[in-house]
Amino acid sequence: MDVSLGAGRRSPVPRRWARYYLENAPSLVWLVFANVAAVFVGIHFYLPSLPAVETLLWPLYMDSPVAVGLMALSLATLLPNLGRPLDAVPHNRVLAYLHTFAFVWLVKTGLWTALALNLNVSLYFPDTWNYFGVLVTHLLFVPEASLAPHYGTTTRGALAAALVVALGNDALDYGLLLLGLGPGYHPPLRYEPGVGFAAATVLISVASVALAARAFERLDA
């Protein structure tokens, strides 16, 4: 399907930078590889706590590995387009869902991590890796997500689905815990999240989808 990604796209990453990283084989392959490697690093972080979580809930529990995994898949769809400009990338509804979910999960995970580390900063700072390393690597999720609107599109359905899944994830992470009905399935923290933390996470979910709606061209516009 032919869709022109023009004036409606709003990404903080300049078009010339996106073209450099996404149209050249070495940089694109490196980005895909870096995201795949990050999946394994993230899974290693979650391994100690996985036995306590139902297997079917792992994709919602392991936020960071899922986010970078979705982005790896999103970027991999560009490999057949190498040698051609980004404007020649094909568009369809399946790809729109993939690119939208990758964007939302990266932005949400990056912002959530910054919130989690700084809400009780004394529990993490000044540990070089557990504060600075985790914070910087996860904040980089946001500019990486901003590459997706340069080659991808979204739809109303994709945005609605991303919002429903993101909010459902938040309910699973904090709802049962706050209601005293069961454990929370949020990523491991060094403190117990309260109502304020849960509310802030919901706001991040909504903001992430709103940013996707603003950044992507609409396939069904």
N, C-alpha and C. Protein backbone atom coordinates (compact mmCIF):
# COMPACT_ATOMS: atom_id res chain seq x y z
N MET A 1 0.85 -1.19 0.00
CA MET A 1 0.00 0.00 0.00
C MET A 1 0.89 1.24 0.00
N ASP A 2 0.61 2.17 -0.86
CA ASP A 2 1.44 3.37 -1.01
C ASP A 2 0.95 4.46 -0.08
N VAL A 3 1.81 4.82 0.87
CA VAL A 3 1.50 5.90 1.80
C VAL A 3 2.68 6.86 1.82
N SER A 4 2.42 8.13 1.62
CA SER A 4 3.49 9.13 1.64
C SER A 4 3.66 9.65 3.05
N LEU A 5 4.86 9.46 3.61
CA LEU A 5 5.14 9.94 4.96
C LEU A 5 5.68 11.36 4.86
N GLY A 6 4.82 12.32 5.00
CA GLY A 6 5.23 13.70 4.77
C GLY A 6 5.03 14.60 5.95
N ALA A 7 4.30 15.68 5.74
CA ALA A 7 4.21 16.74 6.73
C ALA A 7 3.54 16.29 8.01
N GLY A 8 2.71 15.22 7.95
CA GLY A 8 2.00 14.79 9.14
C GLY A 8 2.87 14.09 10.16
N ARG A 9 4.07 13.66 9.75
CA ARG A 9 4.94 12.96 10.68
C ARG A 9 5.60 13.94 11.64
N ARG A 10 5.55 13.62 12.92
CA ARG A 10 6.15 14.50 13.92
C ARG A 10 7.10 13.67 14.78
N SER A 11 8.36 13.69 14.44
CA SER A 11 9.37 12.93 15.18
C SER A 11 10.50 13.87 15.57
N PRO A 12 11.00 13.76 16.81
CA PRO A 12 12.12 14.60 17.20
C PRO A 12 13.43 14.22 16.52
N VAL A 13 13.48 13.04 15.91
CA VAL A 13 14.68 12.61 15.18
C VAL A 13 14.62 13.18 13.77
N PRO A 14 15.61 13.98 13.37
CA PRO A 14 15.59 14.56 12.01
C PRO A 14 15.55 13.48 10.93
N ARG A 15 14.91 13.82 9.83
CA ARG A 15 14.75 12.87 8.73
C ARG A 15 16.10 12.39 8.20
N ARG A 16 17.08 13.30 8.13
CA ARG A 16 18.38 12.92 7.57
C ARG A 16 19.07 11.88 8.47
N TRP A 17 18.88 11.99 9.79
CA TRP A 17 19.46 11.00 10.69
C TRP A 17 18.77 9.66 10.51
N ALA A 18 17.45 9.69 10.41
CA ALA A 18 16.69 8.45 10.23
C ALA A 18 17.11 7.76 8.94
N ARG A 19 17.29 8.53 7.87
CA ARG A 19 17.68 7.93 6.60
C ARG A 19 19.08 7.32 6.70
N TYR A 20 19.98 8.00 7.42
CA TYR A 20 21.33 7.47 7.57
C TYR A 20 21.32 6.12 8.27
N TYR A 21 20.59 6.01 9.37
CA TYR A 21 20.59 4.78 10.15
C TYR A 21 19.73 3.67 9.55
N LEU A 22 18.69 4.04 8.83
CA LEU A 22 17.72 3.04 8.38
C LEU A 22 17.84 2.66 6.91
N GLU A 23 18.56 3.44 6.12
CA GLU A 23 18.73 3.12 4.71
C GLU A 23 20.07 2.45 4.41
N ASN A 24 20.99 2.46 5.36
CA ASN A 24 22.31 1.87 5.16
C ASN A 24 22.41 0.52 5.85
N ALA A 25 22.89 -0.48 5.15
CA ALA A 25 22.93 -1.83 5.68
C ALA A 25 23.72 -1.94 6.99
N PRO A 26 24.94 -1.40 7.10
CA PRO A 26 25.70 -1.58 8.34
C PRO A 26 24.98 -1.02 9.57
N SER A 27 24.45 0.19 9.45
CA SER A 27 23.79 0.81 10.61
C SER A 27 22.47 0.12 10.94
N LEU A 28 21.71 -0.27 9.92
CA LEU A 28 20.44 -0.94 10.18
C LEU A 28 20.67 -2.32 10.82
N VAL A 29 21.60 -3.07 10.28
CA VAL A 29 21.91 -4.39 10.85
C VAL A 29 22.41 -4.23 12.28
N TRP A 30 23.22 -3.21 12.53
CA TRP A 30 23.72 -2.97 13.88
C TRP A 30 22.57 -2.67 14.84
N LEU A 31 21.61 -1.87 14.40
CA LEU A 31 20.46 -1.55 15.25
C LEU A 31 19.64 -2.80 15.57
N VAL A 32 19.42 -3.62 14.55
CA VAL A 32 18.67 -4.87 14.78
C VAL A 32 19.42 -5.76 15.76
N PHE A 33 20.72 -5.91 15.53
CA PHE A 33 21.54 -6.75 16.41
C PHE A 33 21.54 -6.22 17.84
N ALA A 34 21.67 -4.89 18.00
CA ALA A 34 21.71 -4.30 19.34
C ALA A 34 20.41 -4.56 20.09
N ASN A 35 19.29 -4.50 19.39
CA ASN A 35 18.01 -4.76 20.04
C ASN A 35 17.85 -6.23 20.40
N VAL A 36 18.29 -7.11 19.52
CA VAL A 36 18.22 -8.54 19.82
C VAL A 36 19.10 -8.86 21.03
N ALA A 37 20.31 -8.29 21.06
CA ALA A 37 21.19 -8.50 22.20
C ALA A 37 20.57 -7.98 23.49
N ALA A 38 19.88 -6.84 23.40
CA ALA A 38 19.23 -6.26 24.57
C ALA A 38 18.12 -7.15 25.09
N VAL A 39 17.48 -7.91 24.20
CA VAL A 39 16.45 -8.86 24.65
C VAL A 39 17.06 -9.86 25.61
N PHE A 40 18.21 -10.41 25.26
CA PHE A 40 18.84 -11.42 26.11
C PHE A 40 19.36 -10.82 27.41
N VAL A 41 19.88 -9.60 27.33
CA VAL A 41 20.33 -8.93 28.56
C VAL A 41 19.14 -8.72 29.49
N GLY A 42 18.01 -8.28 28.93
CA GLY A 42 16.83 -8.05 29.73
C GLY A 42 16.29 -9.33 30.34
N ILE A 43 16.25 -10.41 29.56
CA ILE A 43 15.76 -11.69 30.09
C ILE A 43 16.64 -12.15 31.24
N HIS A 44 17.96 -11.95 31.10
CA HIS A 44 18.89 -12.32 32.19
C HIS A 44 18.54 -11.58 33.48
N PHE A 45 18.15 -10.32 33.36
CA PHE A 45 17.77 -9.54 34.54
C PHE A 45 16.52 -10.13 35.21
N TYR A 46 15.58 -10.60 34.41
CA TYR A 46 14.32 -11.10 34.96
C TYR A 46 14.38 -12.55 35.41
N LEU A 47 15.40 -13.29 35.01
CA LEU A 47 15.46 -14.73 35.27
C LEU A 47 15.19 -15.11 36.74
N PRO A 48 15.80 -14.43 37.72
CA PRO A 48 15.57 -14.87 39.11
C PRO A 48 14.11 -14.81 39.55
N SER A 49 13.33 -13.92 38.97
CA SER A 49 11.94 -13.77 39.41
C SER A 49 10.94 -14.48 38.53
N LEU A 50 11.37 -15.04 37.40
CA LEU A 50 10.43 -15.69 36.47
C LEU A 50 9.70 -16.89 37.06
N PRO A 51 10.35 -17.74 37.89
CA PRO A 51 9.62 -18.90 38.43
C PRO A 51 8.36 -18.54 39.21
N ALA A 52 8.29 -17.32 39.75
CA ALA A 52 7.12 -16.91 40.53
C ALA A 52 6.01 -16.34 39.67
N VAL A 53 6.23 -16.26 38.35
CA VAL A 53 5.27 -15.64 37.44
C VAL A 53 4.75 -16.70 36.46
N GLU A 54 3.44 -16.70 36.25
CA GLU A 54 2.85 -17.62 35.29
C GLU A 54 3.48 -17.42 33.91
N THR A 55 3.78 -18.53 33.24
CA THR A 55 4.48 -18.45 31.96
C THR A 55 3.74 -17.58 30.96
N LEU A 56 2.42 -17.67 30.92
CA LEU A 56 1.64 -16.89 29.96
C LEU A 56 1.72 -15.39 30.22
N LEU A 57 2.13 -15.01 31.43
CA LEU A 57 2.23 -13.60 31.79
C LEU A 57 3.62 -13.03 31.54
N TRP A 58 4.55 -13.85 31.13
CA TRP A 58 5.91 -13.36 30.92
C TRP A 58 5.99 -12.19 29.94
N PRO A 59 5.26 -12.22 28.80
CA PRO A 59 5.36 -11.08 27.87
C PRO A 59 4.91 -9.75 28.48
N LEU A 60 3.97 -9.80 29.44
CA LEU A 60 3.53 -8.57 30.10
C LEU A 60 4.42 -8.22 31.28
N TYR A 61 5.08 -9.21 31.84
CA TYR A 61 5.95 -8.98 33.00
C TYR A 61 7.30 -8.41 32.58
N MET A 62 7.88 -8.96 31.53
CA MET A 62 9.23 -8.55 31.10
C MET A 62 9.13 -7.36 30.13
N ASP A 63 8.87 -6.19 30.65
CA ASP A 63 8.59 -5.02 29.83
C ASP A 63 9.74 -4.67 28.88
N SER A 64 10.95 -4.56 29.40
CA SER A 64 12.08 -4.11 28.59
C SER A 64 12.43 -5.10 27.48
N PRO A 65 12.58 -6.41 27.77
CA PRO A 65 12.87 -7.34 26.68
C PRO A 65 11.79 -7.35 25.61
N VAL A 66 10.53 -7.22 26.01
CA VAL A 66 9.46 -7.19 25.02
C VAL A 66 9.55 -5.93 24.17
N ALA A 67 9.85 -4.81 24.80
CA ALA A 67 9.93 -3.54 24.07
C ALA A 67 11.03 -3.58 23.02
N VAL A 68 12.22 -4.00 23.41
CA VAL A 68 13.32 -4.03 22.44
C VAL A 68 13.13 -5.16 21.43
N GLY A 69 12.45 -6.24 21.83
CA GLY A 69 12.15 -7.31 20.89
C GLY A 69 11.19 -6.84 19.81
N LEU A 70 10.17 -6.09 20.21
CA LEU A 70 9.23 -5.53 19.22
C LEU A 70 9.95 -4.58 18.28
N MET A 71 10.88 -3.77 18.84
CA MET A 71 11.61 -2.84 17.99
C MET A 71 12.54 -3.57 17.03
N ALA A 72 13.14 -4.68 17.49
CA ALA A 72 13.98 -5.48 16.60
C ALA A 72 13.16 -6.00 15.41
N LEU A 73 11.94 -6.47 15.70
CA LEU A 73 11.07 -6.95 14.62
C LEU A 73 10.66 -5.80 13.70
N SER A 74 10.36 -4.66 14.30
CA SER A 74 9.96 -3.49 13.51
C SER A 74 11.08 -3.07 12.57
N LEU A 75 12.30 -2.99 13.08
CA LEU A 75 13.45 -2.62 12.26
C LEU A 75 13.75 -3.68 11.20
N ALA A 76 13.56 -4.95 11.55
CA ALA A 76 13.86 -6.03 10.63
C ALA A 76 12.97 -5.98 9.38
N THR A 77 11.80 -5.36 9.51
CA THR A 77 10.93 -5.25 8.33
C THR A 77 11.54 -4.34 7.27
N LEU A 78 12.57 -3.57 7.65
CA LEU A 78 13.23 -2.68 6.69
C LEU A 78 14.32 -3.38 5.89
N LEU A 79 14.74 -4.54 6.32
CA LEU A 79 15.84 -5.22 5.64
C LEU A 79 15.55 -5.48 4.16
N PRO A 80 14.33 -5.91 3.79
CA PRO A 80 14.06 -6.09 2.35
C PRO A 80 14.07 -4.79 1.56
N ASN A 81 14.03 -3.66 2.27
CA ASN A 81 13.98 -2.36 1.59
C ASN A 81 15.35 -1.75 1.37
N LEU A 82 16.40 -2.42 1.84
CA LEU A 82 17.75 -1.86 1.69
C LEU A 82 18.06 -1.60 0.22
N GLY A 83 18.67 -0.46 -0.03
CA GLY A 83 18.96 -0.04 -1.39
C GLY A 83 17.91 0.89 -1.96
N ARG A 84 16.83 1.07 -1.21
CA ARG A 84 15.76 1.98 -1.62
C ARG A 84 15.51 2.98 -0.49
N PRO A 85 14.92 4.14 -0.79
CA PRO A 85 14.65 5.14 0.24
C PRO A 85 13.53 4.71 1.18
N LEU A 86 13.46 5.35 2.34
CA LEU A 86 12.42 5.04 3.31
C LEU A 86 11.02 5.26 2.75
N ASP A 87 10.89 6.19 1.82
CA ASP A 87 9.58 6.45 1.22
C ASP A 87 9.05 5.26 0.44
N ALA A 88 9.92 4.30 0.12
CA ALA A 88 9.50 3.12 -0.64
C ALA A 88 9.09 1.95 0.25
N VAL A 89 9.14 2.14 1.57
CA VAL A 89 8.77 1.08 2.50
C VAL A 89 7.28 0.77 2.36
N PRO A 90 6.90 -0.51 2.25
CA PRO A 90 5.48 -0.86 2.13
C PRO A 90 4.74 -0.68 3.45
N HIS A 91 3.43 -0.49 3.37
CA HIS A 91 2.60 -0.27 4.56
C HIS A 91 1.36 -1.15 4.47
N ASN A 92 1.01 -1.74 5.60
CA ASN A 92 -0.24 -2.47 5.72
C ASN A 92 -0.65 -2.48 7.19
N ARG A 93 -1.80 -3.04 7.47
CA ARG A 93 -2.33 -2.97 8.84
C ARG A 93 -1.52 -3.81 9.82
N VAL A 94 -1.03 -4.94 9.36
CA VAL A 94 -0.21 -5.77 10.26
C VAL A 94 1.05 -5.02 10.68
N LEU A 95 1.72 -4.40 9.72
CA LEU A 95 2.92 -3.62 10.04
C LEU A 95 2.57 -2.42 10.91
N ALA A 96 1.42 -1.81 10.67
CA ALA A 96 1.01 -0.66 11.48
C ALA A 96 0.88 -1.05 12.94
N TYR A 97 0.31 -2.22 13.21
CA TYR A 97 0.19 -2.68 14.59
C TYR A 97 1.58 -2.93 15.20
N LEU A 98 2.45 -3.57 14.43
CA LEU A 98 3.80 -3.86 14.94
C LEU A 98 4.54 -2.57 15.27
N HIS A 99 4.57 -1.62 14.35
CA HIS A 99 5.30 -0.38 14.57
C HIS A 99 4.69 0.43 15.72
N THR A 100 3.38 0.41 15.83
CA THR A 100 2.71 1.16 16.91
C THR A 100 3.04 0.56 18.27
N PHE A 101 2.95 -0.76 18.37
CA PHE A 101 3.25 -1.41 19.66
C PHE A 101 4.72 -1.24 20.03
N ALA A 102 5.62 -1.33 19.04
CA ALA A 102 7.04 -1.12 19.33
C ALA A 102 7.27 0.28 19.88
N PHE A 103 6.68 1.28 19.24
CA PHE A 103 6.82 2.66 19.69
C PHE A 103 6.28 2.84 21.10
N VAL A 104 5.06 2.39 21.33
CA VAL A 104 4.42 2.59 22.63
C VAL A 104 5.19 1.88 23.73
N TRP A 105 5.60 0.65 23.49
CA TRP A 105 6.28 -0.11 24.55
C TRP A 105 7.67 0.46 24.85
N LEU A 106 8.37 0.94 23.82
CA LEU A 106 9.67 1.55 24.08
C LEU A 106 9.52 2.84 24.88
N VAL A 107 8.61 3.70 24.46
CA VAL A 107 8.44 4.98 25.17
C VAL A 107 7.96 4.74 26.60
N LYS A 108 6.97 3.86 26.74
CA LYS A 108 6.44 3.59 28.08
C LYS A 108 7.53 3.03 28.99
N THR A 109 8.28 2.04 28.50
CA THR A 109 9.32 1.41 29.33
C THR A 109 10.42 2.39 29.68
N GLY A 110 10.83 3.22 28.72
CA GLY A 110 11.87 4.20 28.99
C GLY A 110 11.45 5.21 30.05
N LEU A 111 10.24 5.75 29.91
CA LEU A 111 9.76 6.75 30.87
C LEU A 111 9.46 6.11 32.23
N TRP A 112 8.90 4.90 32.21
CA TRP A 112 8.60 4.22 33.48
C TRP A 112 9.89 3.96 34.27
N THR A 113 10.95 3.55 33.58
CA THR A 113 12.21 3.28 34.26
C THR A 113 12.77 4.54 34.91
N ALA A 114 12.69 5.67 34.20
CA ALA A 114 13.15 6.93 34.78
C ALA A 114 12.34 7.28 36.02
N LEU A 115 11.02 7.05 35.96
CA LEU A 115 10.17 7.30 37.13
C LEU A 115 10.56 6.37 38.28
N ALA A 116 10.70 5.08 37.99
CA ALA A 116 10.97 4.10 39.04
C ALA A 116 12.30 4.37 39.74
N LEU A 117 13.32 4.74 38.98
CA LEU A 117 14.64 4.97 39.58
C LEU A 117 14.69 6.25 40.39
N ASN A 118 13.95 7.25 39.97
CA ASN A 118 14.07 8.56 40.62
C ASN A 118 13.01 8.83 41.69
N LEU A 119 12.00 7.98 41.75
CA LEU A 119 11.00 8.18 42.79
C LEU A 119 11.58 7.86 44.16
N ASN A 120 12.47 6.85 44.21
CA ASN A 120 13.22 6.53 45.43
C ASN A 120 14.69 6.43 45.06
N VAL A 121 15.24 7.57 44.65
CA VAL A 121 16.56 7.59 44.06
C VAL A 121 17.65 7.09 45.01
N SER A 122 17.46 7.27 46.33
CA SER A 122 18.49 6.86 47.29
C SER A 122 18.70 5.35 47.31
N LEU A 123 17.72 4.58 46.81
CA LEU A 123 17.85 3.13 46.78
C LEU A 123 18.69 2.65 45.59
N TYR A 124 18.93 3.54 44.64
CA TYR A 124 19.69 3.17 43.43
C TYR A 124 20.95 4.00 43.25
N PHE A 125 20.87 5.28 43.50
CA PHE A 125 22.00 6.19 43.33
C PHE A 125 22.92 6.07 44.53
N PRO A 126 24.28 6.08 44.37
CA PRO A 126 25.03 6.33 43.13
C PRO A 126 25.58 5.07 42.48
N ASP A 127 24.94 3.94 42.63
CA ASP A 127 25.38 2.70 42.00
C ASP A 127 25.55 2.93 40.50
N THR A 128 26.77 2.75 40.00
CA THR A 128 27.09 3.12 38.62
C THR A 128 26.18 2.45 37.60
N TRP A 129 25.97 1.12 37.72
CA TRP A 129 25.15 0.45 36.73
C TRP A 129 23.66 0.52 37.07
N ASN A 130 23.31 0.18 38.31
CA ASN A 130 21.89 0.10 38.67
C ASN A 130 21.18 1.44 38.64
N TYR A 131 21.94 2.53 38.58
CA TYR A 131 21.28 3.83 38.40
C TYR A 131 21.63 4.40 37.03
N PHE A 132 22.87 4.80 36.85
CA PHE A 132 23.25 5.49 35.61
C PHE A 132 23.12 4.58 34.39
N GLY A 133 23.61 3.36 34.49
CA GLY A 133 23.56 2.46 33.34
C GLY A 133 22.14 2.14 32.92
N VAL A 134 21.32 1.76 33.89
CA VAL A 134 19.93 1.42 33.58
C VAL A 134 19.16 2.65 33.10
N LEU A 135 19.37 3.78 33.75
CA LEU A 135 18.65 5.00 33.37
C LEU A 135 18.99 5.43 31.95
N VAL A 136 20.28 5.50 31.62
CA VAL A 136 20.69 5.98 30.30
C VAL A 136 20.23 5.01 29.21
N THR A 137 20.43 3.72 29.40
CA THR A 137 20.05 2.77 28.37
C THR A 137 18.54 2.79 28.12
N HIS A 138 17.76 2.95 29.17
CA HIS A 138 16.31 2.95 28.99
C HIS A 138 15.80 4.27 28.44
N LEU A 139 16.43 5.36 28.77
CA LEU A 139 16.02 6.63 28.18
C LEU A 139 16.31 6.66 26.69
N LEU A 140 17.31 5.90 26.26
CA LEU A 140 17.61 5.80 24.82
C LEU A 140 16.48 5.10 24.06
N PHE A 141 15.60 4.41 24.79
CA PHE A 141 14.45 3.80 24.13
C PHE A 141 13.59 4.86 23.43
N VAL A 142 13.53 6.05 24.02
CA VAL A 142 12.63 7.08 23.49
C VAL A 142 13.10 7.58 22.12
N PRO A 143 14.37 8.00 21.96
CA PRO A 143 14.79 8.40 20.61
C PRO A 143 14.78 7.24 19.61
N GLU A 144 15.04 6.01 20.09
CA GLU A 144 14.97 4.89 19.15
C GLU A 144 13.53 4.70 18.68
N ALA A 145 12.57 4.80 19.59
CA ALA A 145 11.17 4.70 19.19
C ALA A 145 10.82 5.76 18.16
N SER A 146 11.46 6.92 18.26
CA SER A 146 11.15 8.03 17.36
C SER A 146 11.63 7.78 15.93
N LEU A 147 12.40 6.70 15.72
CA LEU A 147 12.76 6.33 14.36
C LEU A 147 11.57 5.72 13.62
N ALA A 148 10.71 5.02 14.36
CA ALA A 148 9.63 4.27 13.72
C ALA A 148 8.69 5.12 12.87
N PRO A 149 8.31 6.34 13.30
CA PRO A 149 7.41 7.13 12.45
C PRO A 149 8.02 7.53 11.11
N HIS A 150 9.33 7.38 10.94
CA HIS A 150 9.95 7.71 9.67
C HIS A 150 9.71 6.64 8.62
N TYR A 151 9.31 5.45 9.05
CA TYR A 151 9.06 4.38 8.07
C TYR A 151 7.73 3.66 8.30
N GLY A 152 7.11 3.90 9.45
CA GLY A 152 5.90 3.18 9.78
C GLY A 152 4.67 4.07 9.80
N THR A 153 3.53 3.42 9.87
CA THR A 153 2.25 4.11 10.00
C THR A 153 1.49 3.49 11.16
N THR A 154 0.37 4.09 11.50
CA THR A 154 -0.49 3.53 12.53
C THR A 154 -1.92 3.55 12.03
N THR A 155 -2.81 2.99 12.79
CA THR A 155 -4.24 3.03 12.50
C THR A 155 -4.98 3.30 13.80
N ARG A 156 -6.25 3.65 13.68
CA ARG A 156 -7.06 3.84 14.89
C ARG A 156 -7.11 2.54 15.70
N GLY A 157 -7.25 1.43 14.99
CA GLY A 157 -7.29 0.15 15.68
C GLY A 157 -6.00 -0.18 16.41
N ALA A 158 -4.87 0.13 15.78
CA ALA A 158 -3.57 -0.14 16.41
C ALA A 158 -3.39 0.71 17.65
N LEU A 159 -3.78 1.98 17.58
CA LEU A 159 -3.67 2.87 18.74
C LEU A 159 -4.59 2.41 19.86
N ALA A 160 -5.82 2.02 19.51
CA ALA A 160 -6.76 1.56 20.53
C ALA A 160 -6.26 0.26 21.17
N ALA A 161 -5.74 -0.66 20.36
CA ALA A 161 -5.24 -1.92 20.89
C ALA A 161 -4.04 -1.68 21.81
N ALA A 162 -3.14 -0.78 21.40
CA ALA A 162 -1.97 -0.48 22.23
C ALA A 162 -2.40 0.11 23.56
N LEU A 163 -3.40 0.98 23.54
CA LEU A 163 -3.88 1.58 24.80
C LEU A 163 -4.51 0.52 25.69
N VAL A 164 -5.34 -0.34 25.12
CA VAL A 164 -6.00 -1.38 25.92
C VAL A 164 -4.98 -2.33 26.54
N VAL A 165 -3.99 -2.76 25.76
CA VAL A 165 -2.98 -3.68 26.28
C VAL A 165 -2.11 -2.99 27.33
N ALA A 166 -1.74 -1.73 27.07
CA ALA A 166 -0.90 -1.00 28.03
C ALA A 166 -1.62 -0.82 29.36
N LEU A 167 -2.90 -0.43 29.31
CA LEU A 167 -3.66 -0.25 30.55
C LEU A 167 -3.95 -1.59 31.22
N GLY A 168 -4.19 -2.63 30.42
CA GLY A 168 -4.36 -3.95 30.99
C GLY A 168 -3.11 -4.43 31.69
N ASN A 169 -1.96 -4.10 31.11
CA ASN A 169 -0.68 -4.41 31.73
C ASN A 169 -0.54 -3.70 33.07
N ASP A 170 -0.95 -2.42 33.11
CA ASP A 170 -0.89 -1.66 34.35
C ASP A 170 -1.80 -2.27 35.42
N ALA A 171 -3.00 -2.69 35.00
CA ALA A 171 -3.93 -3.31 35.96
C ALA A 171 -3.34 -4.59 36.53
N LEU A 172 -2.69 -5.37 35.66
CA LEU A 172 -2.05 -6.60 36.11
C LEU A 172 -0.89 -6.29 37.05
N ASP A 173 -0.13 -5.26 36.73
CA ASP A 173 1.05 -4.91 37.52
C ASP A 173 0.69 -4.40 38.91
N TYR A 174 -0.36 -3.57 39.00
CA TYR A 174 -0.63 -2.85 40.25
C TYR A 174 -2.03 -3.07 40.82
N GLY A 175 -3.01 -3.39 39.96
CA GLY A 175 -4.39 -3.46 40.43
C GLY A 175 -4.60 -4.50 41.51
N LEU A 176 -4.20 -5.74 41.24
CA LEU A 176 -4.38 -6.79 42.23
C LEU A 176 -3.60 -6.50 43.50
N LEU A 177 -2.39 -5.96 43.34
CA LEU A 177 -1.55 -5.65 44.50
C LEU A 177 -2.21 -4.60 45.39
N LEU A 178 -2.69 -3.51 44.79
CA LEU A 178 -3.27 -2.43 45.57
C LEU A 178 -4.60 -2.82 46.20
N LEU A 179 -5.31 -3.75 45.55
CA LEU A 179 -6.59 -4.22 46.10
C LEU A 179 -6.40 -5.36 47.10
N GLY A 180 -5.17 -5.80 47.25
CA GLY A 180 -4.89 -6.89 48.18
C GLY A 180 -5.39 -8.23 47.71
N LEU A 181 -5.55 -8.39 46.39
CA LEU A 181 -6.11 -9.63 45.84
C LEU A 181 -5.04 -10.56 45.27
N GLY A 182 -3.81 -10.12 45.28
CA GLY A 182 -2.75 -10.96 44.74
C GLY A 182 -1.48 -10.16 44.56
N PRO A 183 -0.44 -10.82 44.03
CA PRO A 183 0.84 -10.13 43.83
C PRO A 183 0.79 -9.19 42.64
N GLY A 184 1.65 -8.21 42.65
CA GLY A 184 1.78 -7.35 41.48
C GLY A 184 2.80 -7.94 40.53
N TYR A 185 2.59 -7.74 39.25
CA TYR A 185 3.49 -8.30 38.26
C TYR A 185 4.33 -7.22 37.59
N HIS A 186 4.56 -6.12 38.31
CA HIS A 186 5.43 -5.07 37.80
C HIS A 186 6.88 -5.55 37.82
N PRO A 187 7.75 -4.93 37.00
CA PRO A 187 9.17 -5.29 37.02
C PRO A 187 9.75 -5.15 38.44
N PRO A 188 10.77 -5.93 38.76
CA PRO A 188 11.34 -5.90 40.11
C PRO A 188 11.78 -4.51 40.52
N LEU A 189 11.40 -4.12 41.73
CA LEU A 189 11.78 -2.84 42.31
C LEU A 189 12.37 -3.06 43.69
N ARG A 190 13.08 -2.08 44.19
CA ARG A 190 13.64 -2.16 45.54
C ARG A 190 12.70 -1.56 46.57
N TYR A 191 11.48 -1.26 46.18
CA TYR A 191 10.48 -0.72 47.10
C TYR A 191 9.10 -1.10 46.58
N GLU A 192 8.11 -1.00 47.44
CA GLU A 192 6.74 -1.33 47.04
C GLU A 192 6.08 -0.11 46.42
N PRO A 193 5.55 -0.24 45.21
CA PRO A 193 4.87 0.90 44.59
C PRO A 193 3.53 1.16 45.25
N GLY A 194 3.17 2.43 45.36
CA GLY A 194 1.90 2.80 45.95
C GLY A 194 0.91 3.29 44.91
N VAL A 195 -0.15 3.89 45.39
CA VAL A 195 -1.20 4.38 44.50
C VAL A 195 -0.65 5.46 43.56
N GLY A 196 0.18 6.36 44.11
CA GLY A 196 0.73 7.43 43.29
C GLY A 196 1.59 6.89 42.16
N PHE A 197 2.38 5.87 42.46
CA PHE A 197 3.23 5.27 41.43
C PHE A 197 2.37 4.62 40.35
N ALA A 198 1.34 3.89 40.79
CA ALA A 198 0.45 3.24 39.82
C ALA A 198 -0.25 4.27 38.93
N ALA A 199 -0.71 5.37 39.54
CA ALA A 199 -1.39 6.41 38.77
C ALA A 199 -0.43 7.04 37.76
N ALA A 200 0.82 7.26 38.17
CA ALA A 200 1.81 7.83 37.26
C ALA A 200 2.10 6.88 36.11
N THR A 201 2.10 5.58 36.38
CA THR A 201 2.33 4.60 35.33
C THR A 201 1.20 4.62 34.31
N VAL A 202 -0.04 4.75 34.79
CA VAL A 202 -1.18 4.84 33.88
C VAL A 202 -1.06 6.08 33.00
N LEU A 203 -0.64 7.19 33.58
CA LEU A 203 -0.45 8.41 32.80
C LEU A 203 0.64 8.21 31.73
N ILE A 204 1.69 7.49 32.08
CA ILE A 204 2.75 7.21 31.10
C ILE A 204 2.20 6.37 29.96
N SER A 205 1.35 5.40 30.27
CA SER A 205 0.75 4.57 29.23
C SER A 205 -0.08 5.42 28.27
N VAL A 206 -0.92 6.27 28.83
CA VAL A 206 -1.78 7.13 28.01
C VAL A 206 -0.92 8.09 27.18
N ALA A 207 0.11 8.67 27.81
CA ALA A 207 0.98 9.60 27.11
C ALA A 207 1.73 8.92 25.97
N SER A 208 2.15 7.67 26.18
CA SER A 208 2.89 6.94 25.14
C SER A 208 2.02 6.71 23.91
N VAL A 209 0.76 6.35 24.13
CA VAL A 209 -0.15 6.15 23.00
C VAL A 209 -0.47 7.49 22.34
N ALA A 210 -0.63 8.55 23.14
CA ALA A 210 -0.89 9.88 22.57
C ALA A 210 0.28 10.33 21.71
N LEU A 211 1.50 10.06 22.15
CA LEU A 211 2.67 10.42 21.35
C LEU A 211 2.70 9.62 20.04
N ALA A 212 2.31 8.35 20.11
CA ALA A 212 2.25 7.55 18.89
C ALA A 212 1.22 8.12 17.92
N ALA A 213 0.07 8.52 18.45
CA ALA A 213 -0.98 9.10 17.60
C ALA A 213 -0.50 10.38 16.93
N ARG A 214 0.34 11.13 17.62
CA ARG A 214 0.84 12.39 17.07
C ARG A 214 1.99 12.15 16.10
N ALA A 215 2.82 11.13 16.38
CA ALA A 215 4.05 10.95 15.59
C ALA A 215 3.84 10.24 14.27
N PHE A 216 2.91 9.28 14.24
CA PHE A 216 2.74 8.45 13.04
C PHE A 216 1.72 9.04 12.08
N GLU A 217 1.96 8.79 10.80
CA GLU A 217 0.93 9.01 9.79
C GLU A 217 -0.13 7.93 9.96
N ARG A 218 -1.36 8.26 9.61
CA ARG A 218 -2.47 7.30 9.73
C ARG A 218 -2.65 6.54 8.42
N LEU A 219 -2.66 5.23 8.51
CA LEU A 219 -2.93 4.42 7.34
C LEU A 219 -4.40 4.52 6.94
N ASP A 220 -5.28 4.74 7.95
CA ASP A 220 -6.70 4.80 7.69
C ASP A 220 -7.24 6.22 7.76
N ALA A 221 -6.37 7.21 7.55
CA ALA A 221 -6.81 8.60 7.62
C ALA A 221 -7.69 8.94 6.43
